[in-house]
Amino acid sequence: MTSKYESPLSSRYASDYMLRLFSMDKRIQTWRRLWVALARAQQELGLPVSAEQVQELEAHIEDIDYACASAREKEVRHDVMAHVYAYGKVAPGAAGIIHLGATSCYVTDNADLILYRDGLRYLRGELLKVIANLSRFADQYKDMPTLGYTHYQPAQLVTVGKRATLWIQDYLSDLEELDFVIDNMKFLGCRGTTGTEASFVELFAGDTEKIDEMNRRISREFGFTKCFPVCGQTYPRKTDSRILNVLSSIAQSCYRMANDIRLLQHDRQVEEPFEKNQIGSSAMAYKRNPMRSERICSLARYLMADAMNAPMTASTQWLERTLDDSANRRISLPEGFLCADAILRLAQNVTNGLHVNEKIVEKAVREYLPFIATENLMMEGVKRGGDRQQLHEIIRQCSMAATARMKNGESWDLLSDLSAHAEFGMNREEMASLLNPSNFIGRCPQQVTSFLAQIAPLLTQVPQGDAEINL
């Protein structure tokens, strides 16, 4: 433990990969890689930059003197120029050509785009793992009848597996949105102080093709195929809105699933994993609280709220730029990624160990099946000569009476009550023979099988390894 505040996202929840991705080392090394790429392109296109200078810069990408940069920033109050200075100290032969023609956003914004793209790609794999876990679960329980709920009130039967496909479908929507954001990410390139490339018009003596080629080479080096066609000093902050929006979408889906699991665990039907020595409560030793699902919901609320930062920032960018975005983005974007990472790690853990209490599920089905079957009983009664409207009224009265007894803790037997009415033309045993739960789940098994067949190609892209959570 330290004497200074540390974000719980870094100390408790996020993965090592995401912590490294948004570390200061990764950020400043990416700045230096961008400076190398700029120098290399300028050297190859004929500016007064030597191959030796490029090599010297490349040799010192990881040799970062943070104390030197910090001291310089206190003096000049500019983080990028402080790191230009520190870089020049370890690569003195190239100090004079670092950042040639560029503005600060060349390194800050392009580095952000690189980190965000890599973060989104990583989260895509984590999301696929959740989908894969749920797919196995859905297939395993595609035939198992369970009580459906609308308005959280008992409704017609579904199956345990079919319910899981509803969660998967939400995640597939997120995956589609995530792929769109990744596929449409563009690079800022090196565009100058207001996006006009005026400094490079001067450096390349008006040869605009060389300016375009410089940007193509730099972009290609970092895996981008396109630059924004026009820009101010920064890349459009609408990009941040897209990014945080899809992270929020993932949070929404995880919240929905986790909240459903919490409700089901209250009814003892489905439970999240619970370790042998896990403590559910400091006072009530018998407790098995759904703490991981609760944590998913808690973090998801934070991420959905965090996503509001981006549209507020994007909507207030003055003309070619304003700096009131910087401090906000420095917090909201990395924290958004760390939070999405934490949520998906928890979701993997929960979905990889979901436990179905089959006897409890069956008991709930048996308890409510007489009510659910009343329409079928009515249809059968009509076949045997009964009047549909008369049978409907008998069912209504008997059902309400049975429900009242149930709520009062008294014993009840709806089938006995109904069979006492000769209008149905059936005795209790005949009615009971119609109450096979599998007759009331519609096409659930086929729907699950068809759905999983459609998404099977996606599951070939799932990265190896499951998330481990510390808490």
Protein backbone atom coordinates (compact mmCIF):
# COMPACT_ATOMS: atom_id res chain seq x y z
CA MET A 1 0.00 0.00 0.00
CA THR A 2 1.14 3.54 -0.65
CA SER A 3 0.42 6.88 1.00
CA LYS A 4 -0.98 8.33 -2.24
CA TYR A 5 -4.34 7.79 -3.90
CA GLU A 6 -4.43 5.01 -6.47
CA SER A 7 -7.35 4.40 -8.81
CA PRO A 8 -9.21 1.18 -7.96
CA LEU A 9 -9.36 0.50 -11.70
CA SER A 10 -5.60 0.07 -11.70
CA SER A 11 -5.13 -1.46 -8.24
CA ARG A 12 -8.10 -3.86 -8.24
CA TYR A 13 -9.89 -4.36 -11.52
CA ALA A 14 -8.13 -3.81 -14.86
CA SER A 15 -5.87 -6.27 -16.69
CA ASP A 16 -2.08 -6.03 -16.94
CA TYR A 17 -2.44 -5.50 -20.69
CA MET A 18 -4.67 -2.46 -20.32
CA LEU A 19 -2.54 -1.03 -17.51
CA ARG A 20 0.56 -1.30 -19.70
CA LEU A 21 -1.25 0.14 -22.71
CA PHE A 22 -2.14 3.32 -20.84
CA SER A 23 1.07 3.54 -18.85
CA MET A 24 3.34 6.56 -19.14
CA ASP A 25 6.07 4.35 -20.62
CA LYS A 26 3.81 3.22 -23.44
CA ARG A 27 2.59 6.76 -24.12
CA ILE A 28 6.01 8.41 -24.25
CA GLN A 29 7.54 5.54 -26.21
CA THR A 30 4.71 5.98 -28.71
CA TRP A 31 5.50 9.70 -28.91
CA ARG A 32 9.11 8.81 -29.65
CA ARG A 33 8.13 6.25 -32.27
CA LEU A 34 6.09 8.99 -33.92
CA TRP A 35 9.06 11.35 -33.86
CA VAL A 36 11.19 8.60 -35.42
CA ALA A 37 8.58 7.95 -38.10
CA LEU A 38 8.38 11.67 -38.90
CA ALA A 39 12.15 11.97 -39.13
CA ARG A 40 12.42 8.84 -41.28
CA ALA A 41 9.78 10.05 -43.74
CA GLN A 42 11.40 13.48 -43.91
CA GLN A 43 14.83 11.96 -44.52
CA GLU A 44 13.53 9.68 -47.26
CA LEU A 45 11.70 12.57 -48.93
CA GLY A 46 14.74 14.80 -49.09
CA LEU A 47 14.61 17.12 -46.07
CA PRO A 48 17.88 17.85 -44.22
CA VAL A 49 17.57 14.86 -41.89
CA SER A 50 20.27 12.19 -42.02
CA ALA A 51 19.86 8.44 -41.77
CA GLU A 52 22.25 8.56 -38.80
CA GLN A 53 19.97 10.95 -36.96
CA VAL A 54 17.01 8.66 -37.56
CA GLN A 55 19.01 5.71 -36.27
CA GLU A 56 20.07 7.64 -33.19
CA LEU A 57 16.47 8.51 -32.38
CA GLU A 58 15.39 4.92 -32.93
CA ALA A 59 18.07 3.65 -30.57
CA HIS A 60 16.71 5.72 -27.66
CA ILE A 61 12.96 5.12 -27.86
CA GLU A 62 12.91 3.39 -24.47
CA ASP A 63 15.61 5.49 -22.82
CA ILE A 64 13.27 7.93 -21.08
CA ASP A 65 14.58 10.24 -18.35
CA TYR A 66 11.38 11.19 -16.58
CA ALA A 67 13.18 13.31 -13.99
CA CYS A 68 14.72 15.38 -16.77
CA ALA A 69 11.36 15.79 -18.53
CA SER A 70 9.59 16.68 -15.28
CA ALA A 71 12.15 19.33 -14.35
CA ARG A 72 11.94 20.81 -17.83
CA GLU A 73 8.12 20.86 -17.77
CA LYS A 74 8.16 22.81 -14.50
CA GLU A 75 10.33 25.36 -16.25
CA VAL A 76 8.52 25.65 -19.61
CA ARG A 77 4.99 24.50 -18.62
CA HIS A 78 4.69 22.32 -21.74
CA ASP A 79 4.74 18.53 -21.54
CA VAL A 80 5.54 17.82 -25.20
CA MET A 81 8.42 20.31 -25.36
CA ALA A 82 9.73 18.90 -22.09
CA HIS A 83 9.92 15.46 -23.69
CA VAL A 84 11.45 16.87 -26.89
CA TYR A 85 14.15 18.30 -24.62
CA ALA A 86 14.65 15.02 -22.72
CA TYR A 87 14.78 13.06 -25.99
CA GLY A 88 17.41 15.44 -27.35
CA LYS A 89 19.52 14.91 -24.26
CA VAL A 90 19.86 11.16 -24.93
CA ALA A 91 20.06 11.60 -28.72
CA PRO A 92 22.09 14.82 -29.01
CA GLY A 93 23.06 14.26 -32.62
CA ALA A 94 19.38 14.35 -33.61
CA ALA A 95 18.18 16.95 -31.12
CA GLY A 96 17.94 19.65 -33.76
CA ILE A 97 15.53 17.78 -36.04
CA ILE A 98 13.13 16.29 -33.47
CA HIS A 99 9.54 17.48 -34.06
CA LEU A 100 10.52 19.30 -37.30
CA GLY A 101 7.50 21.09 -38.73
CA ALA A 102 5.15 19.45 -36.24
CA THR A 103 2.83 20.72 -33.54
CA SER A 104 2.22 19.03 -30.20
CA CYS A 105 -0.90 17.24 -31.44
CA TYR A 106 1.22 15.32 -33.89
CA VAL A 107 2.46 13.18 -31.02
CA THR A 108 -0.35 13.55 -28.48
CA ASP A 109 -3.29 12.93 -30.80
CA ASN A 110 -1.69 10.32 -33.03
CA ALA A 111 -0.46 8.45 -29.95
CA ASP A 112 -3.96 8.53 -28.50
CA LEU A 113 -5.41 7.12 -31.72
CA ILE A 114 -2.85 4.31 -31.68
CA LEU A 115 -3.53 3.46 -28.04
CA TYR A 116 -7.29 3.64 -28.45
CA ARG A 117 -7.24 1.43 -31.53
CA ASP A 118 -5.08 -1.16 -29.78
CA GLY A 119 -7.33 -0.97 -26.71
CA LEU A 120 -10.46 -1.52 -28.81
CA ARG A 121 -8.86 -4.51 -30.53
CA TYR A 122 -8.02 -6.02 -27.15
CA LEU A 123 -11.54 -5.44 -25.81
CA ARG A 124 -12.92 -7.11 -28.93
CA GLY A 125 -11.17 -10.31 -27.91
CA GLU A 126 -12.41 -10.01 -24.34
CA LEU A 127 -15.97 -9.50 -25.59
CA LEU A 128 -15.69 -12.58 -27.81
CA LYS A 129 -14.67 -14.64 -24.78
CA VAL A 130 -17.89 -13.67 -23.01
CA ILE A 131 -19.90 -14.56 -26.12
CA ALA A 132 -18.12 -17.93 -26.34
CA ASN A 133 -18.83 -18.73 -22.68
CA LEU A 134 -22.49 -17.89 -23.06
CA SER A 135 -22.73 -19.86 -26.30
CA ARG A 136 -21.59 -23.02 -24.53
CA PHE A 137 -24.03 -22.31 -21.71
CA ALA A 138 -26.91 -21.68 -24.13
CA ASP A 139 -26.23 -24.90 -25.99
CA GLN A 140 -26.03 -26.92 -22.77
CA TYR A 141 -29.39 -25.65 -21.51
CA LYS A 142 -31.25 -25.04 -24.77
CA ASP A 143 -33.88 -27.73 -23.90
CA MET A 144 -34.32 -26.95 -20.20
CA PRO A 145 -37.72 -25.33 -19.51
CA THR A 146 -37.73 -22.42 -17.12
CA LEU A 147 -40.26 -19.89 -16.02
CA GLY A 148 -40.30 -16.85 -18.27
CA TYR A 149 -40.88 -13.41 -16.80
CA THR A 150 -42.42 -10.26 -18.18
CA HIS A 151 -42.51 -7.26 -15.84
CA TYR A 152 -40.68 -9.70 -13.51
CA GLN A 153 -43.97 -11.53 -13.17
CA PRO A 154 -44.33 -15.23 -14.11
CA ALA A 155 -45.10 -15.64 -17.81
CA GLN A 156 -44.96 -18.42 -20.40
CA LEU A 157 -42.08 -20.87 -20.29
CA VAL A 158 -38.80 -20.31 -22.10
CA THR A 159 -35.60 -22.33 -21.71
CA VAL A 160 -32.50 -21.48 -19.71
CA GLY A 161 -30.46 -21.56 -22.92
CA LYS A 162 -32.85 -19.36 -24.87
CA ARG A 163 -32.59 -16.68 -22.18
CA ALA A 164 -28.80 -16.70 -22.56
CA THR A 165 -29.15 -16.02 -26.28
CA LEU A 166 -30.85 -12.74 -25.43
CA TRP A 167 -27.69 -11.69 -23.60
CA ILE A 168 -25.52 -12.89 -26.48
CA GLN A 169 -27.57 -10.91 -28.97
CA ASP A 170 -26.88 -7.73 -27.01
CA TYR A 171 -23.15 -8.50 -27.09
CA LEU A 172 -23.28 -9.15 -30.82
CA SER A 173 -24.76 -5.69 -31.27
CA ASP A 174 -21.81 -4.31 -29.30
CA LEU A 175 -19.39 -6.32 -31.41
CA GLU A 176 -20.90 -4.93 -34.59
CA GLU A 177 -20.57 -1.39 -33.28
CA LEU A 178 -17.04 -2.08 -32.04
CA ASP A 179 -15.96 -3.40 -35.44
CA PHE A 180 -17.41 -0.32 -37.11
CA VAL A 181 -15.45 1.99 -34.81
CA ILE A 182 -12.20 0.05 -35.31
CA ASP A 183 -12.60 -0.22 -39.08
CA ASN A 184 -13.33 3.49 -39.44
CA MET A 185 -10.56 4.88 -37.28
CA LYS A 186 -8.35 7.35 -39.12
CA PHE A 187 -4.94 8.82 -38.38
CA LEU A 188 -4.34 12.53 -37.80
CA GLY A 189 -0.95 12.54 -39.48
CA CYS A 190 1.33 15.59 -39.34
CA ARG A 191 -0.86 18.53 -40.32
CA GLY A 192 0.59 21.57 -38.59
CA THR A 193 -0.76 24.06 -36.10
CA THR A 194 -4.21 24.63 -37.61
CA GLY A 195 -4.40 21.67 -39.95
CA THR A 196 -3.26 23.61 -43.02
CA GLU A 197 0.16 21.89 -43.37
CA ALA A 198 1.65 25.35 -43.92
CA SER A 199 4.94 24.44 -42.20
CA PHE A 200 5.40 21.52 -44.59
CA VAL A 201 4.57 23.62 -47.63
CA GLU A 202 7.56 25.70 -46.56
CA LEU A 203 9.83 22.74 -45.75
CA PHE A 204 9.05 20.91 -48.99
CA ALA A 205 9.21 24.09 -51.07
CA GLY A 206 5.61 23.81 -52.19
CA ASP A 207 5.79 20.12 -53.22
CA THR A 208 2.40 19.04 -51.85
CA GLU A 209 2.74 15.49 -53.15
CA LYS A 210 5.66 15.00 -50.78
CA ILE A 211 3.50 16.23 -47.91
CA ASP A 212 0.83 13.65 -48.76
CA GLU A 213 3.47 10.95 -49.15
CA MET A 214 4.99 11.86 -45.77
CA ASN A 215 1.60 11.39 -44.12
CA ARG A 216 0.96 8.15 -45.96
CA ARG A 217 4.29 6.73 -44.82
CA ILE A 218 3.81 7.72 -41.19
CA SER A 219 0.24 6.41 -41.13
CA ARG A 220 1.25 3.12 -42.75
CA GLU A 221 4.03 2.62 -40.20
CA PHE A 222 1.40 2.58 -37.45
CA GLY A 223 -1.11 0.42 -39.28
CA PHE A 224 -3.54 3.11 -40.43
CA THR A 225 -4.75 3.20 -44.03
CA LYS A 226 -6.40 6.64 -43.94
CA CYS A 227 -5.91 10.09 -42.47
CA PHE A 228 -8.73 12.48 -41.71
CA PRO A 229 -9.22 14.39 -44.96
CA VAL A 230 -9.39 17.71 -43.10
CA CYS A 231 -8.72 18.71 -39.52
CA GLY A 232 -8.01 21.61 -37.24
CA GLN A 233 -5.11 21.27 -34.85
CA THR A 234 -6.52 18.03 -33.42
CA TYR A 235 -8.32 15.01 -34.75
CA PRO A 236 -12.11 15.47 -34.56
CA ARG A 237 -13.29 14.86 -31.01
CA LYS A 238 -16.34 13.10 -32.44
CA THR A 239 -13.99 10.12 -32.60
CA ASP A 240 -13.83 10.07 -28.82
CA SER A 241 -17.63 10.09 -28.71
CA ARG A 242 -17.72 7.02 -30.93
CA ILE A 243 -15.17 5.25 -28.77
CA LEU A 244 -16.76 5.97 -25.40
CA ASN A 245 -20.19 5.28 -26.83
CA VAL A 246 -19.26 1.73 -27.81
CA LEU A 247 -17.63 1.19 -24.41
CA SER A 248 -20.87 2.40 -22.84
CA SER A 249 -22.82 -0.01 -25.06
CA ILE A 250 -20.73 -2.90 -23.76
CA ALA A 251 -21.38 -1.71 -20.21
CA GLN A 252 -25.11 -1.60 -20.88
CA SER A 253 -25.15 -5.20 -22.11
CA CYS A 254 -23.05 -6.43 -19.22
CA TYR A 255 -25.30 -4.59 -16.76
CA ARG A 256 -28.41 -6.16 -18.27
CA MET A 257 -26.95 -9.68 -18.04
CA ALA A 258 -25.54 -9.21 -14.55
CA ASN A 259 -28.79 -7.74 -13.29
CA ASP A 260 -30.72 -10.71 -14.69
CA ILE A 261 -28.32 -13.05 -12.91
CA ARG A 262 -28.83 -11.15 -9.66
CA LEU A 263 -32.59 -11.57 -9.98
CA LEU A 264 -32.26 -15.27 -10.79
CA GLN A 265 -29.83 -15.79 -7.92
CA HIS A 266 -32.40 -14.24 -5.57
CA ASP A 267 -34.80 -16.95 -6.75
CA ARG A 268 -32.00 -19.55 -6.32
CA GLN A 269 -32.39 -20.62 -9.96
CA VAL A 270 -29.04 -19.52 -11.43
CA GLU A 271 -25.92 -18.51 -9.50
CA GLU A 272 -22.63 -16.87 -10.33
CA PRO A 273 -19.45 -18.75 -9.30
CA PHE A 274 -18.77 -19.05 -5.58
CA GLU A 275 -15.41 -20.36 -4.35
CA LYS A 276 -15.01 -22.91 -1.58
CA ASN A 277 -13.58 -20.41 0.93
CA GLN A 278 -15.45 -17.34 -0.30
CA ILE A 279 -17.15 -15.25 2.38
CA GLY A 280 -20.52 -13.81 1.45
CA SER A 281 -21.00 -11.56 4.47
CA SER A 282 -18.92 -10.50 7.45
CA ALA A 283 -21.92 -11.01 9.74
CA MET A 284 -24.25 -13.45 7.97
CA ALA A 285 -22.04 -16.43 7.28
CA TYR A 286 -24.72 -18.25 5.29
CA LYS A 287 -24.88 -15.57 2.59
CA ARG A 288 -23.98 -16.20 -1.08
CA ASN A 289 -24.19 -12.68 -2.44
CA PRO A 290 -23.85 -12.19 -6.23
CA MET A 291 -20.93 -9.84 -5.60
CA ARG A 292 -19.34 -10.16 -9.06
CA SER A 293 -22.57 -9.44 -10.87
CA GLU A 294 -23.13 -6.55 -8.49
CA ARG A 295 -19.65 -5.25 -9.27
CA ILE A 296 -20.35 -5.47 -12.99
CA CYS A 297 -23.45 -3.33 -12.49
CA SER A 298 -21.55 -0.88 -10.31
CA LEU A 299 -18.69 -0.40 -12.77
CA ALA A 300 -21.10 -0.30 -15.71
CA ARG A 301 -22.93 2.65 -14.17
CA TYR A 302 -19.62 4.48 -13.89
CA LEU A 303 -18.72 3.77 -17.52
CA MET A 304 -22.13 4.83 -18.85
CA ALA A 305 -21.75 8.12 -16.97
CA ASP A 306 -18.12 8.51 -18.09
CA ALA A 307 -19.20 8.24 -21.72
CA MET A 308 -21.02 11.56 -21.38
CA ASN A 309 -17.67 13.34 -21.21
CA ALA A 310 -16.94 12.83 -24.90
CA PRO A 311 -20.04 14.47 -26.39
CA MET A 312 -19.71 17.39 -24.00
CA THR A 313 -16.11 17.85 -25.12
CA ALA A 314 -16.82 17.33 -28.82
CA SER A 315 -19.62 19.87 -28.79
CA THR A 316 -17.47 22.63 -27.27
CA GLN A 317 -14.39 22.60 -29.52
CA TRP A 318 -13.89 26.21 -30.58
CA LEU A 319 -12.99 26.72 -34.24
CA GLU A 320 -9.60 25.01 -34.90
CA ARG A 321 -9.26 23.86 -31.27
CA THR A 322 -9.37 24.73 -27.59
CA LEU A 323 -7.40 23.16 -24.76
CA ASP A 324 -10.27 22.56 -22.36
CA ASP A 325 -10.50 19.06 -23.79
CA SER A 326 -7.06 17.98 -22.59
CA ALA A 327 -7.49 17.41 -18.87
CA ASN A 328 -10.90 15.80 -19.39
CA ARG A 329 -9.68 13.40 -22.09
CA ARG A 330 -6.57 12.55 -20.08
CA ILE A 331 -8.91 11.04 -17.47
CA SER A 332 -12.11 10.00 -19.23
CA LEU A 333 -10.67 8.00 -22.13
CA PRO A 334 -8.10 5.85 -20.28
CA GLU A 335 -10.48 5.34 -17.36
CA GLY A 336 -13.20 4.33 -19.83
CA PHE A 337 -10.94 1.68 -21.32
CA LEU A 338 -9.80 0.39 -17.93
CA CYS A 339 -13.41 0.22 -16.75
CA ALA A 340 -14.62 -1.62 -19.86
CA ASP A 341 -11.72 -4.02 -19.45
CA ALA A 342 -12.63 -4.64 -15.79
CA ILE A 343 -16.29 -5.22 -16.64
CA LEU A 344 -15.50 -7.72 -19.40
CA ARG A 345 -13.03 -9.58 -17.18
CA LEU A 346 -15.74 -9.97 -14.56
CA ALA A 347 -18.26 -10.98 -17.21
CA GLN A 348 -15.90 -13.68 -18.44
CA ASN A 349 -15.47 -15.00 -14.93
CA VAL A 350 -19.19 -15.05 -14.24
CA THR A 351 -20.21 -16.64 -17.56
CA ASN A 352 -17.48 -19.25 -17.32
CA GLY A 353 -18.90 -20.58 -14.06
CA LEU A 354 -22.66 -20.00 -14.14
CA HIS A 355 -24.41 -22.67 -12.09
CA VAL A 356 -28.00 -23.73 -12.70
CA ASN A 357 -29.91 -25.17 -9.74
CA GLU A 358 -31.96 -27.48 -11.90
CA LYS A 359 -34.28 -28.76 -9.18
CA ILE A 360 -35.21 -25.23 -8.17
CA VAL A 361 -35.88 -24.33 -11.79
CA GLU A 362 -38.05 -27.43 -12.20
CA LYS A 363 -39.93 -26.65 -8.97
CA ALA A 364 -40.77 -23.13 -10.18
CA VAL A 365 -41.96 -24.55 -13.49
CA ARG A 366 -44.17 -27.15 -11.76
CA GLU A 367 -45.63 -24.53 -9.45
CA TYR A 368 -46.74 -22.19 -12.21
CA LEU A 369 -47.34 -24.65 -15.02
CA PRO A 370 -51.05 -25.19 -14.18
CA PHE A 371 -51.61 -21.46 -14.72
CA ILE A 372 -49.50 -21.40 -17.89
CA ALA A 373 -51.34 -24.45 -19.25
CA THR A 374 -54.81 -22.99 -18.81
CA GLU A 375 -55.04 -21.86 -22.44
CA ASN A 376 -54.18 -25.37 -23.63
CA LEU A 377 -56.70 -26.80 -21.18
CA MET A 378 -59.31 -24.42 -22.52
CA MET A 379 -58.59 -25.50 -26.12
CA GLU A 380 -58.81 -29.15 -25.15
CA GLY A 381 -62.08 -28.49 -23.33
CA VAL A 382 -63.50 -26.90 -26.50
CA LYS A 383 -62.47 -29.97 -28.48
CA ARG A 384 -64.50 -32.02 -26.02
CA GLY A 385 -67.62 -29.93 -26.56
CA GLY A 386 -67.17 -27.08 -24.13
CA ASP A 387 -67.98 -23.41 -24.75
CA ARG A 388 -64.82 -21.33 -25.08
CA GLN A 389 -66.21 -18.22 -23.34
CA GLN A 390 -67.69 -20.26 -20.51
CA LEU A 391 -64.44 -22.18 -19.99
CA HIS A 392 -62.49 -18.91 -20.01
CA GLU A 393 -64.63 -17.55 -17.19
CA ILE A 394 -64.24 -20.74 -15.15
CA ILE A 395 -60.47 -20.55 -15.58
CA ARG A 396 -60.44 -16.89 -14.56
CA GLN A 397 -62.40 -17.51 -11.37
CA CYS A 398 -60.48 -20.64 -10.38
CA SER A 399 -57.11 -19.03 -11.13
CA MET A 400 -57.86 -15.97 -9.06
CA ALA A 401 -59.00 -18.13 -6.16
CA ALA A 402 -55.88 -20.31 -6.40
CA THR A 403 -53.65 -17.24 -6.55
CA ALA A 404 -55.31 -15.78 -3.46
CA ARG A 405 -54.71 -19.01 -1.53
CA MET A 406 -51.11 -19.13 -2.74
CA LYS A 407 -50.46 -15.56 -1.57
CA ASN A 408 -52.03 -16.37 1.77
CA GLY A 409 -49.71 -19.32 2.27
CA GLU A 410 -52.53 -21.85 1.93
CA SER A 411 -52.48 -25.04 -0.11
CA TRP A 412 -54.06 -24.91 -3.55
CA ASP A 413 -54.69 -27.23 -6.49
CA LEU A 414 -55.81 -25.46 -9.63
CA LEU A 415 -56.20 -28.67 -11.63
CA SER A 416 -58.58 -30.13 -9.04
CA ASP A 417 -60.60 -26.93 -9.06
CA LEU A 418 -60.86 -26.91 -12.86
CA SER A 419 -61.60 -30.60 -13.26
CA ALA A 420 -64.49 -30.25 -10.82
CA HIS A 421 -66.28 -28.39 -13.60
CA ALA A 422 -67.91 -30.88 -15.95
CA GLU A 423 -67.78 -28.31 -18.76
CA PHE A 424 -64.14 -29.28 -19.42
CA GLY A 425 -64.99 -32.95 -19.96
CA MET A 426 -61.72 -34.01 -18.24
CA ASN A 427 -60.75 -35.40 -14.86
CA ARG A 428 -57.66 -34.23 -12.97
CA GLU A 429 -55.42 -37.01 -14.31
CA GLU A 430 -56.36 -36.17 -17.89
CA MET A 431 -55.60 -32.52 -17.27
CA ALA A 432 -52.25 -33.38 -15.61
CA SER A 433 -51.25 -35.46 -18.64
CA LEU A 434 -51.26 -32.26 -20.71
CA LEU A 435 -48.77 -30.55 -18.40
CA ASN A 436 -45.47 -31.63 -19.96
CA PRO A 437 -43.19 -28.55 -19.68
CA SER A 438 -41.55 -29.30 -23.03
CA ASN A 439 -44.91 -28.69 -24.68
CA PHE A 440 -44.85 -25.09 -23.52
CA ILE A 441 -41.43 -23.86 -24.67
CA GLY A 442 -42.35 -23.30 -28.30
CA ARG A 443 -39.33 -23.31 -30.61
CA CYS A 444 -36.76 -22.40 -27.96
CA PRO A 445 -34.40 -25.34 -28.62
CA GLN A 446 -34.51 -24.80 -32.38
CA GLN A 447 -34.06 -21.05 -31.96
CA VAL A 448 -30.97 -21.58 -29.84
CA THR A 449 -29.49 -24.12 -32.25
CA SER A 450 -30.10 -21.87 -35.25
CA PHE A 451 -28.76 -18.80 -33.48
CA LEU A 452 -25.57 -20.52 -32.35
CA ALA A 453 -24.98 -21.89 -35.86
CA GLN A 454 -25.13 -18.35 -37.21
CA ILE A 455 -22.49 -17.04 -34.82
CA ALA A 456 -20.22 -20.11 -34.90
CA PRO A 457 -17.75 -18.49 -37.36
CA LEU A 458 -17.19 -15.66 -34.88
CA LEU A 459 -16.13 -18.08 -32.18
CA THR A 460 -13.12 -19.16 -34.23
CA GLN A 461 -11.71 -15.69 -33.50
CA VAL A 462 -11.80 -16.04 -29.70
CA PRO A 463 -8.36 -15.42 -28.11
CA GLN A 464 -6.96 -18.10 -25.85
CA GLY A 465 -6.91 -17.76 -22.09
CA ASP A 466 -9.53 -16.80 -19.52
CA ALA A 467 -9.47 -13.72 -17.35
CA GLU A 468 -8.43 -14.10 -13.76
CA ILE A 469 -9.78 -11.60 -11.27
CA ASN A 470 -8.12 -10.81 -8.00
CA LEU A 471 -11.18 -9.68 -6.10
